[in-house]
PDB file of N, CA and C in Angstrom:
ATOM      1  N   MET A   1       0.100  -1.653  -9.604  1.00  0.00           N
ATOM      2  CA  MET A   1       0.031  -0.984  -8.324  1.00  0.00           C
ATOM      3  C   MET A   1       0.922   0.244  -8.373  1.00  0.00           C
ATOM      4  N   SER A   2       0.391   1.373  -7.917  1.00  0.00           N
ATOM      5  CA  SER A   2       1.166   2.608  -7.911  1.00  0.00           C
ATOM      6  C   SER A   2       1.480   3.098  -6.506  1.00  0.00           C
ATOM      7  N   ALA A   3       0.770   2.580  -5.493  1.00  0.00           N
ATOM      8  CA  ALA A   3       1.011   3.032  -4.119  1.00  0.00           C
ATOM      9  C   ALA A   3       0.457   2.010  -3.142  1.00  0.00           C
ATOM     10  N   MET A   4       1.047   2.019  -1.930  1.00  0.00           N
ATOM     11  CA  MET A   4       0.563   1.132  -0.875  1.00  0.00           C
ATOM     12  C   MET A   4       0.827   1.793   0.466  1.00  0.00           C
ATOM     13  N   GLY A   5      -0.112   1.662   1.392  1.00  0.00           N
ATOM     14  CA  GLY A   5       0.058   2.213   2.725  1.00  0.00           C
ATOM     15  C   GLY A   5      -0.724   1.396   3.733  1.00  0.00           C
ATOM     16  N   VAL A   6      -0.464   1.650   5.012  1.00  0.00           N
ATOM     17  CA  VAL A   6      -1.164   0.941   6.081  1.00  0.00           C
ATOM     18  C   VAL A   6      -1.689   1.933   7.102  1.00  0.00           C
ATOM     19  N   GLY A   7      -2.667   1.486   7.880  1.00  0.00           N
ATOM     20  CA  GLY A   7      -3.221   2.295   8.958  1.00  0.00           C
ATOM     21  C   GLY A   7      -4.726   2.381   8.864  1.00  0.00           C
ATOM     22  N   GLU A   8      -5.340   2.809   9.952  1.00  0.00           N
ATOM     23  CA  GLU A   8      -6.798   2.960  10.032  1.00  0.00           C
ATOM     24  C   GLU A   8      -7.519   1.671   9.633  1.00  0.00           C
ATOM     25  N   GLY A   9      -7.002   0.542  10.124  1.00  0.00           N
ATOM     26  CA  GLY A   9      -7.685  -0.729   9.963  1.00  0.00           C
ATOM     27  C   GLY A   9      -7.561  -1.398   8.614  1.00  0.00           C
ATOM     28  N   GLY A  10      -6.613  -0.972   7.808  1.00  0.00           N
ATOM     29  CA  GLY A  10      -6.499  -1.608   6.511  1.00  0.00           C
ATOM     30  C   GLY A  10      -5.131  -1.470   5.878  1.00  0.00           C
ATOM     31  N   ILE A  11      -4.953  -2.255   4.835  1.00  0.00           N
ATOM     32  CA  ILE A  11      -3.835  -2.083   3.917  1.00  0.00           C
ATOM     33  C   ILE A  11      -4.443  -1.431   2.691  1.00  0.00           C
ATOM     34  N   TRP A  12      -3.889  -0.333   2.259  1.00  0.00           N
ATOM     35  CA  TRP A  12      -4.455   0.475   1.192  1.00  0.00           C
ATOM     36  C   TRP A  12      -3.592   0.323  -0.055  1.00  0.00           C
ATOM     37  N   VAL A  13      -4.221  -0.033  -1.161  1.00  0.00           N
ATOM     38  CA  VAL A  13      -3.492  -0.260  -2.394  1.00  0.00           C
ATOM     39  C   VAL A  13      -4.097   0.618  -3.485  1.00  0.00           C
ATOM     40  N   GLY A  14      -3.245   1.423  -4.117  1.00  0.00           N
ATOM     41  CA  GLY A  14      -3.683   2.288  -5.205  1.00  0.00           C
ATOM     42  C   GLY A  14      -3.129   1.793  -6.528  1.00  0.00           C
ATOM     43  N   PHE A  15      -3.893   1.986  -7.585  1.00  0.00           N
ATOM     44  CA  PHE A  15      -3.510   1.546  -8.921  1.00  0.00           C
ATOM     45  C   PHE A  15      -3.552   2.727  -9.882  1.00  0.00           C
ATOM     46  N   SER A  16      -2.600   2.766 -10.810  1.00  0.00           N
ATOM     47  CA  SER A  16      -2.513   3.878 -11.748  1.00  0.00           C
ATOM     48  C   SER A  16      -3.739   3.975 -12.649  1.00  0.00           C
ATOM     49  N   GLU A  17      -4.497   2.900 -12.759  1.00  0.00           N
ATOM     50  CA  GLU A  17      -5.715   2.909 -13.569  1.00  0.00           C
ATOM     51  C   GLU A  17      -6.829   3.726 -12.931  1.00  0.00           C
ATOM     52  N   GLY A  18      -6.606   4.234 -11.710  1.00  0.00           N
ATOM     53  CA  GLY A  18      -7.601   5.064 -11.048  1.00  0.00           C
ATOM     54  C   GLY A  18      -8.442   4.333 -10.022  1.00  0.00           C
ATOM     55  N   MET A  19      -7.937   3.235  -9.492  1.00  0.00           N
ATOM     56  CA  MET A  19      -8.680   2.449  -8.514  1.00  0.00           C
ATOM     57  C   MET A  19      -7.910   2.408  -7.195  1.00  0.00           C
ATOM     58  N   MET A  20      -8.647   2.313  -6.093  1.00  0.00           N
ATOM     59  CA  MET A  20      -8.045   2.140  -4.784  1.00  0.00           C
ATOM     60  C   MET A  20      -8.817   1.068  -4.027  1.00  0.00           C
ATOM     61  N   VAL A  21      -8.080   0.219  -3.279  1.00  0.00           N
ATOM     62  CA  VAL A  21      -8.669  -0.921  -2.593  1.00  0.00           C
ATOM     63  C   VAL A  21      -8.232  -0.918  -1.129  1.00  0.00           C
ATOM     64  N   LYS A  22      -9.168  -1.234  -0.235  1.00  0.00           N
ATOM     65  CA  LYS A  22      -8.854  -1.464   1.175  1.00  0.00           C
ATOM     66  C   LYS A  22      -8.848  -2.972   1.392  1.00  0.00           C
ATOM     67  N   VAL A  23      -7.738  -3.497   1.960  1.00  0.00           N
ATOM     68  CA  VAL A  23      -7.580  -4.923   2.193  1.00  0.00           C
ATOM     69  C   VAL A  23      -7.507  -5.164   3.699  1.00  0.00           C
ATOM     70  N   ASP A  24      -8.213  -6.186   4.180  1.00  0.00           N
ATOM     71  CA  ASP A  24      -8.159  -6.563   5.592  1.00  0.00           C
ATOM     72  C   ASP A  24      -6.761  -7.104   5.901  1.00  0.00           C
ATOM     73  N   PRO A  25      -6.063  -6.535   6.913  1.00  0.00           N
ATOM     74  CA  PRO A  25      -4.693  -6.961   7.199  1.00  0.00           C
ATOM     75  C   PRO A  25      -4.590  -8.366   7.792  1.00  0.00           C
ATOM     76  N   VAL A  26      -5.679  -8.929   8.304  1.00  0.00           N
ATOM     77  CA  VAL A  26      -5.644 -10.272   8.888  1.00  0.00           C
ATOM     78  C   VAL A  26      -6.015 -11.325   7.847  1.00  0.00           C
ATOM     79  N   SER A  27      -7.144 -11.140   7.173  1.00  0.00           N
ATOM     80  CA  SER A  27      -7.632 -12.156   6.235  1.00  0.00           C
ATOM     81  C   SER A  27      -7.080 -11.990   4.823  1.00  0.00           C
ATOM     82  N   GLY A  28      -6.656 -10.777   4.481  1.00  0.00           N
ATOM     83  CA  GLY A  28      -6.201 -10.505   3.124  1.00  0.00           C
ATOM     84  C   GLY A  28      -7.324 -10.285   2.137  1.00  0.00           C
ATOM     85  N   GLN A  29      -8.563 -10.230   2.634  1.00  0.00           N
ATOM     86  CA  GLN A  29      -9.714 -10.033   1.764  1.00  0.00           C
ATOM     87  C   GLN A  29      -9.920  -8.562   1.436  1.00  0.00           C
ATOM     88  N   GLU A  30     -10.376  -8.318   0.219  1.00  0.00           N
ATOM     89  CA  GLU A  30     -10.724  -6.966  -0.205  1.00  0.00           C
ATOM     90  C   GLU A  30     -11.988  -6.531   0.534  1.00  0.00           C
ATOM     91  N   LEU A  31     -11.943  -5.332   1.128  1.00  0.00           N
ATOM     92  CA  LEU A  31     -13.083  -4.816   1.879  1.00  0.00           C
ATOM     93  C   LEU A  31     -13.849  -3.746   1.112  1.00  0.00           C
ATOM     94  N   VAL A  32     -13.129  -2.843   0.471  1.00  0.00           N
ATOM     95  CA  VAL A  32     -13.750  -1.734  -0.255  1.00  0.00           C
ATOM     96  C   VAL A  32     -12.937  -1.481  -1.514  1.00  0.00           C
ATOM     97  N   ARG A  33     -13.623  -1.176  -2.619  1.00  0.00           N
ATOM     98  CA  ARG A  33     -12.952  -0.801  -3.862  1.00  0.00           C
ATOM     99  C   ARG A  33     -13.658   0.426  -4.436  1.00  0.00           C
ATOM    100  N   ILE A  34     -12.866   1.413  -4.838  1.00  0.00           N
ATOM    101  CA  ILE A  34     -13.461   2.584  -5.482  1.00  0.00           C
ATOM    102  C   ILE A  34     -12.663   2.930  -6.732  1.00  0.00           C
ATOM    103  N   TRP A  35     -13.345   3.554  -7.654  1.00  0.00           N
ATOM    104  CA  TRP A  35     -12.726   4.055  -8.876  1.00  0.00           C
ATOM    105  C   TRP A  35     -12.734   5.572  -8.831  1.00  0.00           C
ATOM    106  N   GLY A  36     -11.916   6.210  -9.628  1.00  0.00           N
ATOM    107  CA  GLY A  36     -11.889   7.667  -9.714  1.00  0.00           C
ATOM    108  C   GLY A  36     -10.774   8.303  -8.907  1.00  0.00           C
ATOM    109  N   MET A  37      -9.863   7.495  -8.371  1.00  0.00           N
ATOM    110  CA  MET A  37      -8.701   8.018  -7.652  1.00  0.00           C
ATOM    111  C   MET A  37      -7.582   8.190  -8.671  1.00  0.00           C
ATOM    112  N   GLU A  38      -7.442   9.359  -9.218  1.00  0.00           N
ATOM    113  CA  GLU A  38      -6.497   9.625 -10.303  1.00  0.00           C
ATOM    114  C   GLU A  38      -5.053   9.356  -9.910  1.00  0.00           C
ATOM    115  N   ASN A  39      -4.538   8.215 -10.305  1.00  0.00           N
ATOM    116  CA  ASN A  39      -3.143   7.813 -10.119  1.00  0.00           C
ATOM    117  C   ASN A  39      -2.600   8.110  -8.720  1.00  0.00           C
ATOM    118  N   PRO A  40      -3.095   7.436  -7.696  1.00  0.00           N
ATOM    119  CA  PRO A  40      -2.563   7.652  -6.352  1.00  0.00           C
ATOM    120  C   PRO A  40      -1.120   7.154  -6.260  1.00  0.00           C
ATOM    121  N   VAL A  41      -0.217   7.984  -5.733  1.00  0.00           N
ATOM    122  CA  VAL A  41       1.195   7.603  -5.650  1.00  0.00           C
ATOM    123  C   VAL A  41       1.717   7.541  -4.220  1.00  0.00           C
ATOM    124  N   GLY A  42       0.969   8.017  -3.267  1.00  0.00           N
ATOM    125  CA  GLY A  42       1.339   7.927  -1.864  1.00  0.00           C
ATOM    126  C   GLY A  42       0.087   7.726  -1.041  1.00  0.00           C
ATOM    127  N   ILE A  43       0.113   6.768  -0.116  1.00  0.00           N
ATOM    128  CA  ILE A  43      -1.056   6.481   0.723  1.00  0.00           C
ATOM    129  C   ILE A  43      -0.579   6.217   2.143  1.00  0.00           C
ATOM    130  N   VAL A  44      -1.294   6.778   3.128  1.00  0.00           N
ATOM    131  CA  VAL A  44      -1.021   6.478   4.530  1.00  0.00           C
ATOM    132  C   VAL A  44      -2.325   6.623   5.315  1.00  0.00           C
ATOM    133  N   GLY A  45      -2.499   5.790   6.337  1.00  0.00           N
ATOM    134  CA  GLY A  45      -3.657   5.889   7.210  1.00  0.00           C
ATOM    135  C   GLY A  45      -3.245   6.468   8.548  1.00  0.00           C
ATOM    136  N   GLY A  46      -4.057   7.365   9.077  1.00  0.00           N
ATOM    137  CA  GLY A  46      -3.791   7.940  10.384  1.00  0.00           C
ATOM    138  C   GLY A  46      -4.691   9.115  10.687  1.00  0.00           C
ATOM    139  N   TYR A  47      -4.805   9.445  11.962  1.00  0.00           N
ATOM    140  CA  TYR A  47      -5.633  10.558  12.420  1.00  0.00           C
ATOM    141  C   TYR A  47      -7.082  10.419  11.943  1.00  0.00           C
ATOM    142  N   GLY A  48      -7.576   9.165  11.892  1.00  0.00           N
ATOM    143  CA  GLY A  48      -8.967   8.928  11.527  1.00  0.00           C
ATOM    144  C   GLY A  48      -9.276   9.016  10.052  1.00  0.00           C
ATOM    145  N   SER A  49      -8.252   9.083   9.208  1.00  0.00           N
ATOM    146  CA  SER A  49      -8.453   9.230   7.766  1.00  0.00           C
ATOM    147  C   SER A  49      -7.405   8.450   6.993  1.00  0.00           C
ATOM    148  N   VAL A  50      -7.643   8.335   5.695  1.00  0.00           N
ATOM    149  CA  VAL A  50      -6.646   7.822   4.764  1.00  0.00           C
ATOM    150  C   VAL A  50      -6.243   8.994   3.884  1.00  0.00           C
ATOM    151  N   TRP A  51      -4.942   9.210   3.749  1.00  0.00           N
ATOM    152  CA  TRP A  51      -4.394  10.354   3.021  1.00  0.00           C
ATOM    153  C   TRP A  51      -3.753   9.850   1.741  1.00  0.00           C
ATOM    154  N   VAL A  52      -4.111  10.452   0.614  1.00  0.00           N
ATOM    155  CA  VAL A  52      -3.660   9.971  -0.694  1.00  0.00           C
ATOM    156  C   VAL A  52      -3.113  11.146  -1.499  1.00  0.00           C
ATOM    157  N   THR A  53      -1.894  10.987  -2.033  1.00  0.00           N
ATOM    158  CA  THR A  53      -1.321  12.038  -2.871  1.00  0.00           C
ATOM    159  C   THR A  53      -1.663  11.783  -4.335  1.00  0.00           C
ATOM    160  N   HIS A  54      -1.898  12.881  -5.059  1.00  0.00           N
ATOM    161  CA  HIS A  54      -2.226  12.841  -6.482  1.00  0.00           C
ATOM    162  C   HIS A  54      -1.288  13.790  -7.221  1.00  0.00           C
ATOM    163  N   VAL A  55      -0.327  13.231  -7.940  1.00  0.00           N
ATOM    164  CA  VAL A  55       0.663  14.031  -8.651  1.00  0.00           C
ATOM    165  C   VAL A  55       0.010  14.901  -9.727  1.00  0.00           C
ATOM    166  N   ALA A  56      -0.879  14.322 -10.506  1.00  0.00           N
ATOM    167  CA  ALA A  56      -1.485  15.035 -11.633  1.00  0.00           C
ATOM    168  C   ALA A  56      -2.295  16.251 -11.181  1.00  0.00           C
ATOM    169  N   ASP A  57      -2.877  16.172  -9.978  1.00  0.00           N
ATOM    170  CA  ASP A  57      -3.738  17.247  -9.488  1.00  0.00           C
ATOM    171  C   ASP A  57      -3.035  18.192  -8.520  1.00  0.00           C
ATOM    172  N   ASP A  58      -1.751  17.921  -8.190  1.00  0.00           N
ATOM    173  CA  ASP A  58      -1.046  18.718  -7.177  1.00  0.00           C
ATOM    174  C   ASP A  58      -1.871  18.796  -5.896  1.00  0.00           C
ATOM    175  N   ALA A  59      -2.360  17.637  -5.435  1.00  0.00           N
ATOM    176  CA  ALA A  59      -3.265  17.635  -4.293  1.00  0.00           C
ATOM    177  C   ALA A  59      -3.067  16.409  -3.406  1.00  0.00           C
ATOM    178  N   VAL A  60      -3.564  16.541  -2.171  1.00  0.00           N
ATOM    179  CA  VAL A  60      -3.648  15.441  -1.218  1.00  0.00           C
ATOM    180  C   VAL A  60      -5.123  15.291  -0.857  1.00  0.00           C
ATOM    181  N   ALA A  61      -5.643  14.077  -0.992  1.00  0.00           N
ATOM    182  CA  ALA A  61      -7.041  13.814  -0.642  1.00  0.00           C
ATOM    183  C   ALA A  61      -7.107  13.171   0.734  1.00  0.00           C
ATOM    184  N   ARG A  62      -8.080  13.603   1.523  1.00  0.00           N
ATOM    185  CA  ARG A  62      -8.361  12.997   2.831  1.00  0.00           C
ATOM    186  C   ARG A  62      -9.628  12.174   2.682  1.00  0.00           C
ATOM    187  N   LEU A  63      -9.531  10.862   2.956  1.00  0.00           N
ATOM    188  CA  LEU A  63     -10.640   9.945   2.728  1.00  0.00           C
ATOM    189  C   LEU A  63     -11.140   9.330   4.021  1.00  0.00           C
ATOM    190  N   ASP A  64     -12.424   8.988   4.048  1.00  0.00           N
ATOM    191  CA  ASP A  64     -13.008   8.237   5.148  1.00  0.00           C
ATOM    192  C   ASP A  64     -12.505   6.798   5.053  1.00  0.00           C
ATOM    193  N   PRO A  65     -11.916   6.222   6.113  1.00  0.00           N
ATOM    194  CA  PRO A  65     -11.334   4.891   6.024  1.00  0.00           C
ATOM    195  C   PRO A  65     -12.357   3.762   5.881  1.00  0.00           C
ATOM    196  N   ASN A  66     -13.612   4.003   6.167  1.00  0.00           N
ATOM    197  CA  ASN A  66     -14.633   2.964   6.059  1.00  0.00           C
ATOM    198  C   ASN A  66     -15.282   2.916   4.686  1.00  0.00           C
ATOM    199  N   THR A  67     -15.489   4.069   4.077  1.00  0.00           N
ATOM    200  CA  THR A  67     -16.188   4.124   2.790  1.00  0.00           C
ATOM    201  C   THR A  67     -15.292   4.566   1.644  1.00  0.00           C
ATOM    202  N   LEU A  68     -14.134   5.129   1.959  1.00  0.00           N
ATOM    203  CA  LEU A  68     -13.217   5.749   1.004  1.00  0.00           C
ATOM    204  C   LEU A  68     -13.840   6.970   0.334  1.00  0.00           C
ATOM    205  N   GLY A  69     -14.886   7.521   0.942  1.00  0.00           N
ATOM    206  CA  GLY A  69     -15.455   8.767   0.450  1.00  0.00           C
ATOM    207  C   GLY A  69     -14.526   9.931   0.764  1.00  0.00           C
ATOM    208  N   THR A  70     -14.518  10.924  -0.094  1.00  0.00           N
ATOM    209  CA  THR A  70     -13.646  12.087   0.068  1.00  0.00           C
ATOM    210  C   THR A  70     -14.169  13.008   1.159  1.00  0.00           C
ATOM    211  N   ILE A  71     -13.318  13.314   2.126  1.00  0.00           N
ATOM    212  CA  ILE A  71     -13.628  14.278   3.178  1.00  0.00           C
ATOM    213  C   ILE A  71     -13.168  15.664   2.745  1.00  0.00           C
ATOM    214  N   ALA A  72     -11.958  15.735   2.169  1.00  0.00           N
ATOM    215  CA  ALA A  72     -11.405  17.012   1.722  1.00  0.00           C
ATOM    216  C   ALA A  72     -10.327  16.762   0.683  1.00  0.00           C
ATOM    217  N   VAL A  73     -10.081  17.771  -0.149  1.00  0.00           N
ATOM    218  CA  VAL A  73      -8.967  17.765  -1.086  1.00  0.00           C
ATOM    219  C   VAL A  73      -8.137  19.010  -0.784  1.00  0.00           C
ATOM    220  N   ILE A  74      -6.853  18.788  -0.541  1.00  0.00           N
ATOM    221  CA  ILE A  74      -5.955  19.874  -0.151  1.00  0.00           C
ATOM    222  C   ILE A  74      -4.983  20.131  -1.295  1.00  0.00           C
ATOM    223  N   SER A  75      -5.036  21.315  -1.864  1.00  0.00           N
ATOM    224  CA  SER A  75      -4.121  21.678  -2.941  1.00  0.00           C
ATOM    225  C   SER A  75      -2.744  21.982  -2.375  1.00  0.00           C
ATOM    226  N   VAL A  76      -1.722  21.505  -3.075  1.00  0.00           N
ATOM    227  CA  VAL A  76      -0.334  21.805  -2.723  1.00  0.00           C
ATOM    228  C   VAL A  76       0.341  22.372  -3.960  1.00  0.00           C
ATOM    229  N   ASP A  77       1.472  23.046  -3.765  1.00  0.00           N
ATOM    230  CA  ASP A  77       2.099  23.758  -4.869  1.00  0.00           C
ATOM    231  C   ASP A  77       2.763  22.867  -5.908  1.00  0.00           C
ATOM    232  N   GLN A  78       3.297  21.741  -5.499  1.00  0.00           N
ATOM    233  CA  GLN A  78       4.023  20.890  -6.436  1.00  0.00           C
ATOM    234  C   GLN A  78       3.530  19.459  -6.321  1.00  0.00           C
ATOM    235  N   ALA A  79       3.813  18.676  -7.347  1.00  0.00           N
ATOM    236  CA  ALA A  79       3.369  17.292  -7.406  1.00  0.00           C
ATOM    237  C   ALA A  79       3.837  16.495  -6.189  1.00  0.00           C
ATOM    238  N   PRO A  80       2.918  16.112  -5.287  1.00  0.00           N
ATOM    239  CA  PRO A  80       3.300  15.331  -4.112  1.00  0.00           C
ATOM    240  C   PRO A  80       3.404  13.845  -4.450  1.00  0.00           C
ATOM    241  N   TYR A  81       4.536  13.249  -4.134  1.00  0.00           N
ATOM    242  CA  TYR A  81       4.711  11.816  -4.396  1.00  0.00           C
ATOM    243  C   TYR A  81       4.476  11.001  -3.136  1.00  0.00           C
ATOM    244  N   GLY A  82       5.329  11.119  -2.150  1.00  0.00           N
ATOM    245  CA  GLY A  82       5.197  10.346  -0.920  1.00  0.00           C
ATOM    246  C   GLY A  82       4.417  11.104   0.126  1.00  0.00           C
ATOM    247  N   ILE A  83       4.013  10.382   1.153  1.00  0.00           N
ATOM    248  CA  ILE A  83       3.321  11.005   2.273  1.00  0.00           C
ATOM    249  C   ILE A  83       3.583  10.181   3.522  1.00  0.00           C
ATOM    250  N   ALA A  84       3.746  10.856   4.645  1.00  0.00           N
ATOM    251  CA  ALA A  84       3.965  10.196   5.921  1.00  0.00           C
ATOM    252  C   ALA A  84       3.296  11.025   7.011  1.00  0.00           C
ATOM    253  N   LEU A  85       2.896  10.379   8.080  1.00  0.00           N
ATOM    254  CA  LEU A  85       2.289  11.064   9.216  1.00  0.00           C
ATOM    255  C   LEU A  85       3.138  10.823  10.446  1.00  0.00           C
ATOM    256  N   ASN A  86       3.188  11.798  11.318  1.00  0.00           N
ATOM    257  CA  ASN A  86       3.895  11.672  12.578  1.00  0.00           C
ATOM    258  C   ASN A  86       2.916  11.136  13.619  1.00  0.00           C
ATOM    259  N   PRO A  87       3.156   9.920  14.132  1.00  0.00           N
ATOM    260  CA  PRO A  87       2.177   9.310  15.056  1.00  0.00           C
ATOM    261  C   PRO A  87       2.004  10.048  16.327  1.00  0.00           C
TER     262      PRO A  87
END
C-alpha cells in the first residue's frame, strides 16, 4: 500500500504496483478496482471527486468516485506527495 484516503463514499487505497481500490466503509468489501494509477502517494475524496497525487508524473489526477475514471489530470511543478482538501 502506498496511499490511503477517505471521502466520497469510500475508503481509497493505492498500491505502488499501479492499482487503486475503493472499499465500502461499512462492509469492508472492495467495490471498484482499477490498474494504471502510477504509484499513487496521496489520496483524498471531496468536492464530488477523488484526488490522487502522482510523484513520477508531477501531477494530481481528479477521478470519478463511482467508476474511478479520470476526469482531469493537473500538472504541478514538483513531485506532489500528500494532498488535503478544505471542507
